[in-house]
Amino acid sequence: MILEGTAFQVKVWKAISKIPKGEVRTYKELARIIKKPRAIRAVANACGKNPYPIKIPCHRVVGSNGYLGGYSGKGGIKQKKSLLKKEGLNIK
């Protein structure tokens, strides 16, 4: 899989790829993981530009307040909820 994007986007996508099935991370946690703790909104934007929504599991990234955020993959937020439920997470 070839990742084409900015260096920042690729760094975010690689960090997302390391989130284990059945777990989530917040945009804020991802920003810290990539050593850019103030880039929370930029992390969210990189998630939205994800070229491989299932292979790079951006559905596992949520807001700190419990908000699911968006999902750029086919099916939108409804699909994000479905994917998280399939992974065993209790999503309302």
PDB file of N, CA and C in Angstrom:
ATOM      1  N   MET A   1       0.850  -1.173   0.000  1.00  0.00           N
ATOM      2  CA  MET A   1       0.000   0.000   0.000  1.00  0.00           C
ATOM      3  C   MET A   1       0.896   1.236   0.000  1.00  0.00           C
ATOM      4  N   ILE A   2       0.736   2.054  -0.983  1.00  0.00           N
ATOM      5  CA  ILE A   2       1.510   3.281  -1.099  1.00  0.00           C
ATOM      6  C   ILE A   2       0.677   4.425  -0.542  1.00  0.00           C
ATOM      7  N   LEU A   3       1.242   5.138   0.422  1.00  0.00           N
ATOM      8  CA  LEU A   3       0.542   6.267   1.021  1.00  0.00           C
ATOM      9  C   LEU A   3       0.997   7.558   0.368  1.00  0.00           C
ATOM     10  N   GLU A   4       0.062   8.218  -0.261  1.00  0.00           N
ATOM     11  CA  GLU A   4       0.365   9.496  -0.899  1.00  0.00           C
ATOM     12  C   GLU A   4      -0.379  10.594  -0.166  1.00  0.00           C
ATOM     13  N   GLY A   5       0.376  11.467   0.443  1.00  0.00           N
ATOM     14  CA  GLY A   5      -0.169  12.588   1.186  1.00  0.00           C
ATOM     15  C   GLY A   5       0.991  13.406   1.714  1.00  0.00           C
ATOM     16  N   THR A   6       0.676  14.381   2.542  1.00  0.00           N
ATOM     17  CA  THR A   6       1.746  15.168   3.143  1.00  0.00           C
ATOM     18  C   THR A   6       2.477  14.302   4.160  1.00  0.00           C
ATOM     19  N   ALA A   7       3.657  14.737   4.561  1.00  0.00           N
ATOM     20  CA  ALA A   7       4.421  13.991   5.568  1.00  0.00           C
ATOM     21  C   ALA A   7       3.605  13.872   6.855  1.00  0.00           C
ATOM     22  N   PHE A   8       2.877  14.921   7.207  1.00  0.00           N
ATOM     23  CA  PHE A   8       2.041  14.905   8.404  1.00  0.00           C
ATOM     24  C   PHE A   8       0.923  13.873   8.265  1.00  0.00           C
ATOM     25  N   GLN A   9       0.233  13.876   7.138  1.00  0.00           N
ATOM     26  CA  GLN A   9      -0.857  12.916   6.921  1.00  0.00           C
ATOM     27  C   GLN A   9      -0.350  11.483   7.011  1.00  0.00           C
ATOM     28  N   VAL A  10       0.761  11.202   6.379  1.00  0.00           N
ATOM     29  CA  VAL A  10       1.322   9.851   6.389  1.00  0.00           C
ATOM     30  C   VAL A  10       1.665   9.436   7.824  1.00  0.00           C
ATOM     31  N   LYS A  11       2.211  10.366   8.602  1.00  0.00           N
ATOM     32  CA  LYS A  11       2.544  10.076   9.999  1.00  0.00           C
ATOM     33  C   LYS A  11       1.275   9.723  10.783  1.00  0.00           C
ATOM     34  N   VAL A  12       0.195  10.476  10.558  1.00  0.00           N
ATOM     35  CA  VAL A  12      -1.083  10.210  11.220  1.00  0.00           C
ATOM     36  C   VAL A  12      -1.622   8.846  10.785  1.00  0.00           C
ATOM     37  N   TRP A  13      -1.621   8.576   9.491  1.00  0.00           N
ATOM     38  CA  TRP A  13      -2.155   7.317   8.973  1.00  0.00           C
ATOM     39  C   TRP A  13      -1.381   6.114   9.525  1.00  0.00           C
ATOM     40  N   LYS A  14      -0.068   6.247   9.645  1.00  0.00           N
ATOM     41  CA  LYS A  14       0.734   5.155  10.199  1.00  0.00           C
ATOM     42  C   LYS A  14       0.392   4.930  11.668  1.00  0.00           C
ATOM     43  N   ALA A  15       0.167   6.009  12.408  1.00  0.00           N
ATOM     44  CA  ALA A  15      -0.216   5.886  13.822  1.00  0.00           C
ATOM     45  C   ALA A  15      -1.594   5.230  13.943  1.00  0.00           C
ATOM     46  N   ILE A  16      -2.513   5.590  13.068  1.00  0.00           N
ATOM     47  CA  ILE A  16      -3.857   4.993  13.079  1.00  0.00           C
ATOM     48  C   ILE A  16      -3.762   3.492  12.797  1.00  0.00           C
ATOM     49  N   SER A  17      -2.885   3.127  11.899  1.00  0.00           N
ATOM     50  CA  SER A  17      -2.727   1.716  11.517  1.00  0.00           C
ATOM     51  C   SER A  17      -2.299   0.841  12.686  1.00  0.00           C
ATOM     52  N   LYS A  18      -1.747   1.445  13.726  1.00  0.00           N
ATOM     53  CA  LYS A  18      -1.270   0.690  14.893  1.00  0.00           C
ATOM     54  C   LYS A  18      -2.340   0.520  15.972  1.00  0.00           C
ATOM     55  N   ILE A  19      -3.522   1.108  15.779  1.00  0.00           N
ATOM     56  CA  ILE A  19      -4.591   0.966  16.771  1.00  0.00           C
ATOM     57  C   ILE A  19      -5.155  -0.446  16.648  1.00  0.00           C
ATOM     58  N   PRO A  20      -5.088  -1.219  17.730  1.00  0.00           N
ATOM     59  CA  PRO A  20      -5.579  -2.601  17.667  1.00  0.00           C
ATOM     60  C   PRO A  20      -7.096  -2.686  17.462  1.00  0.00           C
ATOM     61  N   LYS A  21      -7.502  -3.746  16.820  1.00  0.00           N
ATOM     62  CA  LYS A  21      -8.924  -4.025  16.619  1.00  0.00           C
ATOM     63  C   LYS A  21      -9.619  -4.052  17.977  1.00  0.00           C
ATOM     64  N   GLY A  22     -10.788  -3.424  18.051  1.00  0.00           N
ATOM     65  CA  GLY A  22     -11.541  -3.414  19.298  1.00  0.00           C
ATOM     66  C   GLY A  22     -11.157  -2.294  20.250  1.00  0.00           C
ATOM     67  N   GLU A  23     -10.222  -1.440  19.828  1.00  0.00           N
ATOM     68  CA  GLU A  23      -9.809  -0.302  20.648  1.00  0.00           C
ATOM     69  C   GLU A  23      -9.996   0.986  19.858  1.00  0.00           C
ATOM     70  N   VAL A  24     -10.089   2.095  20.575  1.00  0.00           N
ATOM     71  CA  VAL A  24     -10.157   3.401  19.935  1.00  0.00           C
ATOM     72  C   VAL A  24      -9.089   4.305  20.534  1.00  0.00           C
ATOM     73  N   ARG A  25      -8.771   5.344  19.820  1.00  0.00           N
ATOM     74  CA  ARG A  25      -7.907   6.419  20.296  1.00  0.00           C
ATOM     75  C   ARG A  25      -8.639   7.721  19.978  1.00  0.00           C
ATOM     76  N   THR A  26      -8.345   8.740  20.747  1.00  0.00           N
ATOM     77  CA  THR A  26      -8.938  10.047  20.453  1.00  0.00           C
ATOM     78  C   THR A  26      -8.018  10.805  19.497  1.00  0.00           C
ATOM     79  N   TYR A  27      -8.585  11.821  18.875  1.00  0.00           N
ATOM     80  CA  TYR A  27      -7.777  12.684  18.008  1.00  0.00           C
ATOM     81  C   TYR A  27      -6.640  13.284  18.831  1.00  0.00           C
ATOM     82  N   LYS A  28      -6.950  13.646  20.075  1.00  0.00           N
ATOM     83  CA  LYS A  28      -5.960  14.236  20.979  1.00  0.00           C
ATOM     84  C   LYS A  28      -4.833  13.244  21.283  1.00  0.00           C
ATOM     85  N   GLU A  29      -5.189  11.989  21.565  1.00  0.00           N
ATOM     86  CA  GLU A  29      -4.177  10.966  21.828  1.00  0.00           C
ATOM     87  C   GLU A  29      -3.280  10.764  20.614  1.00  0.00           C
ATOM     88  N   LEU A  30      -3.878  10.734  19.428  1.00  0.00           N
ATOM     89  CA  LEU A  30      -3.073  10.572  18.206  1.00  0.00           C
ATOM     90  C   LEU A  30      -2.119  11.742  18.030  1.00  0.00           C
ATOM     91  N   ALA A  31      -2.586  12.937  18.325  1.00  0.00           N
ATOM     92  CA  ALA A  31      -1.721  14.123  18.211  1.00  0.00           C
ATOM     93  C   ALA A  31      -0.506  13.972  19.133  1.00  0.00           C
ATOM     94  N   ARG A  32      -0.735  13.469  20.329  1.00  0.00           N
ATOM     95  CA  ARG A  32       0.378  13.242  21.265  1.00  0.00           C
ATOM     96  C   ARG A  32       1.303  12.139  20.758  1.00  0.00           C
ATOM     97  N   ILE A  33       0.712  11.062  20.240  1.00  0.00           N
ATOM     98  CA  ILE A  33       1.499   9.922  19.746  1.00  0.00           C
ATOM     99  C   ILE A  33       2.471  10.351  18.658  1.00  0.00           C
ATOM    100  N   ILE A  34       2.019  11.246  17.782  1.00  0.00           N
ATOM    101  CA  ILE A  34       2.896  11.685  16.685  1.00  0.00           C
ATOM    102  C   ILE A  34       3.750  12.894  17.078  1.00  0.00           C
ATOM    103  N   LYS A  35       3.727  13.218  18.375  1.00  0.00           N
ATOM    104  CA  LYS A  35       4.559  14.303  18.926  1.00  0.00           C
ATOM    105  C   LYS A  35       4.150  15.688  18.430  1.00  0.00           C
ATOM    106  N   LYS A  36       2.856  15.848  18.158  1.00  0.00           N
ATOM    107  CA  LYS A  36       2.298  17.152  17.760  1.00  0.00           C
ATOM    108  C   LYS A  36       1.054  17.399  18.621  1.00  0.00           C
ATOM    109  N   PRO A  37       1.226  17.573  19.947  1.00  0.00           N
ATOM    110  CA  PRO A  37       0.091  17.608  20.869  1.00  0.00           C
ATOM    111  C   PRO A  37      -0.935  18.712  20.616  1.00  0.00           C
ATOM    112  N   ARG A  38      -0.569  19.734  19.903  1.00  0.00           N
ATOM    113  CA  ARG A  38      -1.514  20.821  19.633  1.00  0.00           C
ATOM    114  C   ARG A  38      -2.204  20.687  18.276  1.00  0.00           C
ATOM    115  N   ALA A  39      -1.887  19.642  17.540  1.00  0.00           N
ATOM    116  CA  ALA A  39      -2.395  19.467  16.172  1.00  0.00           C
ATOM    117  C   ALA A  39      -3.637  18.582  16.124  1.00  0.00           C
ATOM    118  N   ILE A  40      -4.504  18.714  17.099  1.00  0.00           N
ATOM    119  CA  ILE A  40      -5.689  17.851  17.187  1.00  0.00           C
ATOM    120  C   ILE A  40      -6.578  18.006  15.957  1.00  0.00           C
ATOM    121  N   ARG A  41      -6.856  19.228  15.568  1.00  0.00           N
ATOM    122  CA  ARG A  41      -7.714  19.469  14.403  1.00  0.00           C
ATOM    123  C   ARG A  41      -7.046  18.970  13.121  1.00  0.00           C
ATOM    124  N   ALA A  42      -5.746  19.134  13.028  1.00  0.00           N
ATOM    125  CA  ALA A  42      -5.017  18.649  11.846  1.00  0.00           C
ATOM    126  C   ALA A  42      -5.061  17.124  11.769  1.00  0.00           C
ATOM    127  N   VAL A  43      -5.013  16.464  12.922  1.00  0.00           N
ATOM    128  CA  VAL A  43      -5.139  15.004  12.958  1.00  0.00           C
ATOM    129  C   VAL A  43      -6.512  14.602  12.426  1.00  0.00           C
ATOM    130  N   ALA A  44      -7.546  15.307  12.871  1.00  0.00           N
ATOM    131  CA  ALA A  44      -8.904  15.024  12.387  1.00  0.00           C
ATOM    132  C   ALA A  44      -8.994  15.232  10.876  1.00  0.00           C
ATOM    133  N   ASN A  45      -8.369  16.275  10.379  1.00  0.00           N
ATOM    134  CA  ASN A  45      -8.379  16.528   8.935  1.00  0.00           C
ATOM    135  C   ASN A  45      -7.648  15.419   8.176  1.00  0.00           C
ATOM    136  N   ALA A  46      -6.542  14.937   8.735  1.00  0.00           N
ATOM    137  CA  ALA A  46      -5.806  13.843   8.094  1.00  0.00           C
ATOM    138  C   ALA A  46      -6.666  12.575   8.060  1.00  0.00           C
ATOM    139  N   CYS A  47      -7.430  12.345   9.121  1.00  0.00           N
ATOM    140  CA  CYS A  47      -8.344  11.193   9.140  1.00  0.00           C
ATOM    141  C   CYS A  47      -9.336  11.302   7.981  1.00  0.00           C
ATOM    142  N   GLY A  48      -9.836  12.503   7.769  1.00  0.00           N
ATOM    143  CA  GLY A  48     -10.798  12.739   6.694  1.00  0.00           C
ATOM    144  C   GLY A  48     -10.217  12.547   5.303  1.00  0.00           C
ATOM    145  N   LYS A  49      -8.908  12.614   5.188  1.00  0.00           N
ATOM    146  CA  LYS A  49      -8.241  12.443   3.889  1.00  0.00           C
ATOM    147  C   LYS A  49      -7.698  11.031   3.697  1.00  0.00           C
ATOM    148  N   ASN A  50      -8.006  10.142   4.628  1.00  0.00           N
ATOM    149  CA  ASN A  50      -7.521   8.769   4.590  1.00  0.00           C
ATOM    150  C   ASN A  50      -7.872   8.100   3.252  1.00  0.00           C
ATOM    151  N   PRO A  51      -6.862   7.676   2.483  1.00  0.00           N
ATOM    152  CA  PRO A  51      -7.131   7.056   1.175  1.00  0.00           C
ATOM    153  C   PRO A  51      -7.607   5.596   1.254  1.00  0.00           C
ATOM    154  N   TYR A  52      -7.427   4.967   2.401  1.00  0.00           N
ATOM    155  CA  TYR A  52      -7.796   3.554   2.569  1.00  0.00           C
ATOM    156  C   TYR A  52      -8.575   3.366   3.880  1.00  0.00           C
ATOM    157  N   PRO A  53      -9.844   3.806   3.920  1.00  0.00           N
ATOM    158  CA  PRO A  53     -10.601   3.828   5.170  1.00  0.00           C
ATOM    159  C   PRO A  53     -10.724   2.514   5.941  1.00  0.00           C
ATOM    160  N   ILE A  54     -10.657   1.374   5.343  1.00  0.00           N
ATOM    161  CA  ILE A  54     -10.730   0.140   6.120  1.00  0.00           C
ATOM    162  C   ILE A  54      -9.327  -0.335   6.497  1.00  0.00           C
ATOM    163  N   LYS A  55      -8.417  -0.298   5.541  1.00  0.00           N
ATOM    164  CA  LYS A  55      -7.043  -0.738   5.811  1.00  0.00           C
ATOM    165  C   LYS A  55      -6.355   0.155   6.842  1.00  0.00           C
ATOM    166  N   ILE A  56      -6.592   1.445   6.751  1.00  0.00           N
ATOM    167  CA  ILE A  56      -6.135   2.389   7.770  1.00  0.00           C
ATOM    168  C   ILE A  56      -7.391   2.697   8.583  1.00  0.00           C
ATOM    169  N   PRO A  57      -7.541   2.060   9.738  1.00  0.00           N
ATOM    170  CA  PRO A  57      -8.814   2.059  10.461  1.00  0.00           C
ATOM    171  C   PRO A  57      -9.170   3.358  11.174  1.00  0.00           C
ATOM    172  N   CYS A  58      -9.428   4.399  10.405  1.00  0.00           N
ATOM    173  CA  CYS A  58      -9.760   5.689  11.009  1.00  0.00           C
ATOM    174  C   CYS A  58     -11.094   5.640  11.752  1.00  0.00           C
ATOM    175  N   HIS A  59     -11.865   4.576  11.554  1.00  0.00           N
ATOM    176  CA  HIS A  59     -13.106   4.428  12.323  1.00  0.00           C
ATOM    177  C   HIS A  59     -12.791   4.215  13.802  1.00  0.00           C
ATOM    178  N   ARG A  60     -11.559   3.911  14.127  1.00  0.00           N
ATOM    179  CA  ARG A  60     -11.149   3.708  15.524  1.00  0.00           C
ATOM    180  C   ARG A  60     -10.701   5.000  16.196  1.00  0.00           C
ATOM    181  N   VAL A  61     -10.894   6.127  15.526  1.00  0.00           N
ATOM    182  CA  VAL A  61     -10.502   7.421  16.089  1.00  0.00           C
ATOM    183  C   VAL A  61     -11.770   8.211  16.421  1.00  0.00           C
ATOM    184  N   VAL A  62     -11.852   8.654  17.679  1.00  0.00           N
ATOM    185  CA  VAL A  62     -13.041   9.351  18.172  1.00  0.00           C
ATOM    186  C   VAL A  62     -12.641  10.629  18.909  1.00  0.00           C
ATOM    187  N   GLY A  63     -13.644  11.439  19.206  1.00  0.00           N
ATOM    188  CA  GLY A  63     -13.398  12.656  19.971  1.00  0.00           C
ATOM    189  C   GLY A  63     -13.234  12.369  21.449  1.00  0.00           C
ATOM    190  N   SER A  64     -12.549  13.252  22.157  1.00  0.00           N
ATOM    191  CA  SER A  64     -12.318  13.100  23.597  1.00  0.00           C
ATOM    192  C   SER A  64     -13.608  13.110  24.400  1.00  0.00           C
ATOM    193  N   ASN A  65     -14.611  13.786  23.884  1.00  0.00           N
ATOM    194  CA  ASN A  65     -15.885  13.914  24.598  1.00  0.00           C
ATOM    195  C   ASN A  65     -16.852  12.774  24.276  1.00  0.00           C
ATOM    196  N   GLY A  66     -16.360  11.752  23.594  1.00  0.00           N
ATOM    197  CA  GLY A  66     -17.217  10.625  23.240  1.00  0.00           C
ATOM    198  C   GLY A  66     -17.868  10.768  21.876  1.00  0.00           C
ATOM    199  N   TYR A  67     -17.739  11.948  21.274  1.00  0.00           N
ATOM    200  CA  TYR A  67     -18.281  12.193  19.935  1.00  0.00           C
ATOM    201  C   TYR A  67     -17.540  11.301  18.949  1.00  0.00           C
ATOM    202  N   LEU A  68     -18.281  10.641  18.078  1.00  0.00           N
ATOM    203  CA  LEU A  68     -17.640   9.725  17.134  1.00  0.00           C
ATOM    204  C   LEU A  68     -16.829  10.431  16.058  1.00  0.00           C
ATOM    205  N   GLY A  69     -17.125  11.679  15.800  1.00  0.00           N
ATOM    206  CA  GLY A  69     -16.436  12.379  14.728  1.00  0.00           C
ATOM    207  C   GLY A  69     -17.039  11.969  13.400  1.00  0.00           C
ATOM    208  N   GLY A  70     -16.318  12.185  12.340  1.00  0.00           N
ATOM    209  CA  GLY A  70     -16.816  11.829  11.019  1.00  0.00           C
ATOM    210  C   GLY A  70     -16.207  10.525  10.538  1.00  0.00           C
ATOM    211  N   TYR A  71     -16.610  10.153   9.340  1.00  0.00           N
ATOM    212  CA  TYR A  71     -16.028   8.972   8.696  1.00  0.00           C
ATOM    213  C   TYR A  71     -16.100   9.180   7.196  1.00  0.00           C
ATOM    214  N   SER A  72     -14.935   9.202   6.562  1.00  0.00           N
ATOM    215  CA  SER A  72     -14.873   9.487   5.133  1.00  0.00           C
ATOM    216  C   SER A  72     -15.105   8.257   4.269  1.00  0.00           C
ATOM    217  N   GLY A  73     -15.161   7.092   4.883  1.00  0.00           N
ATOM    218  CA  GLY A  73     -15.384   5.857   4.131  1.00  0.00           C
ATOM    219  C   GLY A  73     -16.824   5.745   3.658  1.00  0.00           C
ATOM    220  N   LYS A  74     -17.043   4.781   2.797  1.00  0.00           N
ATOM    221  CA  LYS A  74     -18.381   4.536   2.252  1.00  0.00           C
ATOM    222  C   LYS A  74     -19.360   4.256   3.398  1.00  0.00           C
ATOM    223  N   GLY A  75     -20.485   4.930   3.399  1.00  0.00           N
ATOM    224  CA  GLY A  75     -21.487   4.727   4.433  1.00  0.00           C
ATOM    225  C   GLY A  75     -21.442   5.745   5.555  1.00  0.00           C
ATOM    226  N   GLY A  76     -20.394   6.579   5.581  1.00  0.00           N
ATOM    227  CA  GLY A  76     -20.300   7.644   6.563  1.00  0.00           C
ATOM    228  C   GLY A  76     -20.349   7.171   8.005  1.00  0.00           C
ATOM    229  N   ILE A  77     -20.901   8.026   8.860  1.00  0.00           N
ATOM    230  CA  ILE A  77     -20.914   7.782  10.298  1.00  0.00           C
ATOM    231  C   ILE A  77     -21.684   6.511  10.665  1.00  0.00           C
ATOM    232  N   LYS A  78     -22.697   6.188   9.891  1.00  0.00           N
ATOM    233  CA  LYS A  78     -23.453   4.956  10.139  1.00  0.00           C
ATOM    234  C   LYS A  78     -22.532   3.741   9.999  1.00  0.00           C
ATOM    235  N   GLN A  79     -21.688   3.756   8.995  1.00  0.00           N
ATOM    236  CA  GLN A  79     -20.721   2.680   8.775  1.00  0.00           C
ATOM    237  C   GLN A  79     -19.672   2.654   9.895  1.00  0.00           C
ATOM    238  N   LYS A  80     -19.244   3.838  10.358  1.00  0.00           N
ATOM    239  CA  LYS A  80     -18.273   3.901  11.449  1.00  0.00           C
ATOM    240  C   LYS A  80     -18.840   3.206  12.684  1.00  0.00           C
ATOM    241  N   LYS A  81     -20.074   3.517  13.026  1.00  0.00           N
ATOM    242  CA  LYS A  81     -20.726   2.878  14.167  1.00  0.00           C
ATOM    243  C   LYS A  81     -20.782   1.366  13.980  1.00  0.00           C
ATOM    244  N   SER A  82     -21.155   0.943  12.796  1.00  0.00           N
ATOM    245  CA  SER A  82     -21.270  -0.484  12.494  1.00  0.00           C
ATOM    246  C   SER A  82     -19.921  -1.196  12.643  1.00  0.00           C
ATOM    247  N   LEU A  83     -18.869  -0.596  12.119  1.00  0.00           N
ATOM    248  CA  LEU A  83     -17.531  -1.196  12.208  1.00  0.00           C
ATOM    249  C   LEU A  83     -17.080  -1.321  13.662  1.00  0.00           C
ATOM    250  N   LEU A  84     -17.339  -0.286  14.455  1.00  0.00           N
ATOM    251  CA  LEU A  84     -16.945  -0.329  15.862  1.00  0.00           C
ATOM    252  C   LEU A  84     -17.741  -1.383  16.631  1.00  0.00           C
ATOM    253  N   LYS A  85     -19.031  -1.502  16.316  1.00  0.00           N
ATOM    254  CA  LYS A  85     -19.837  -2.521  16.975  1.00  0.00           C
ATOM    255  C   LYS A  85     -19.350  -3.922  16.616  1.00  0.00           C
ATOM    256  N   LYS A  86     -18.973  -4.113  15.337  1.00  0.00           N
ATOM    257  CA  LYS A  86     -18.453  -5.418  14.899  1.00  0.00           C
ATOM    258  C   LYS A  86     -17.160  -5.781  15.624  1.00  0.00           C
ATOM    259  N   GLU A  87     -16.431  -4.759  16.047  1.00  0.00           N
ATOM    260  CA  GLU A  87     -15.176  -4.988  16.773  1.00  0.00           C
ATOM    261  C   GLU A  87     -15.413  -5.156  18.274  1.00  0.00           C
ATOM    262  N   GLY A  88     -16.690  -5.148  18.673  1.00  0.00           N
ATOM    263  CA  GLY A  88     -17.027  -5.402  20.073  1.00  0.00           C
ATOM    264  C   GLY A  88     -17.138  -4.192  20.966  1.00  0.00           C
ATOM    265  N   LEU A  89     -17.126  -3.013  20.376  1.00  0.00           N
ATOM    266  CA  LEU A  89     -17.244  -1.800  21.181  1.00  0.00           C
ATOM    267  C   LEU A  89     -18.699  -1.428  21.388  1.00  0.00           C
ATOM    268  N   ASN A  90     -19.017  -0.942  22.546  1.00  0.00           N
ATOM    269  CA  ASN A  90     -20.386  -0.549  22.888  1.00  0.00           C
ATOM    270  C   ASN A  90     -20.623   0.888  22.419  1.00  0.00           C
ATOM    271  N   ILE A  91     -21.235   1.022  21.264  1.00  0.00           N
ATOM    272  CA  ILE A  91     -21.499   2.316  20.649  1.00  0.00           C
ATOM    273  C   ILE A  91     -22.988   2.594  20.708  1.00  0.00           C
ATOM    274  N   LYS A  92     -23.338   3.795  21.157  1.00  0.00           N
ATOM    275  CA  LYS A  92     -24.752   4.178  21.265  1.00  0.00           C
ATOM    276  C   LYS A  92     -25.298   4.667  19.945  1.00  0.00           C
TER     277      LYS A  92
END
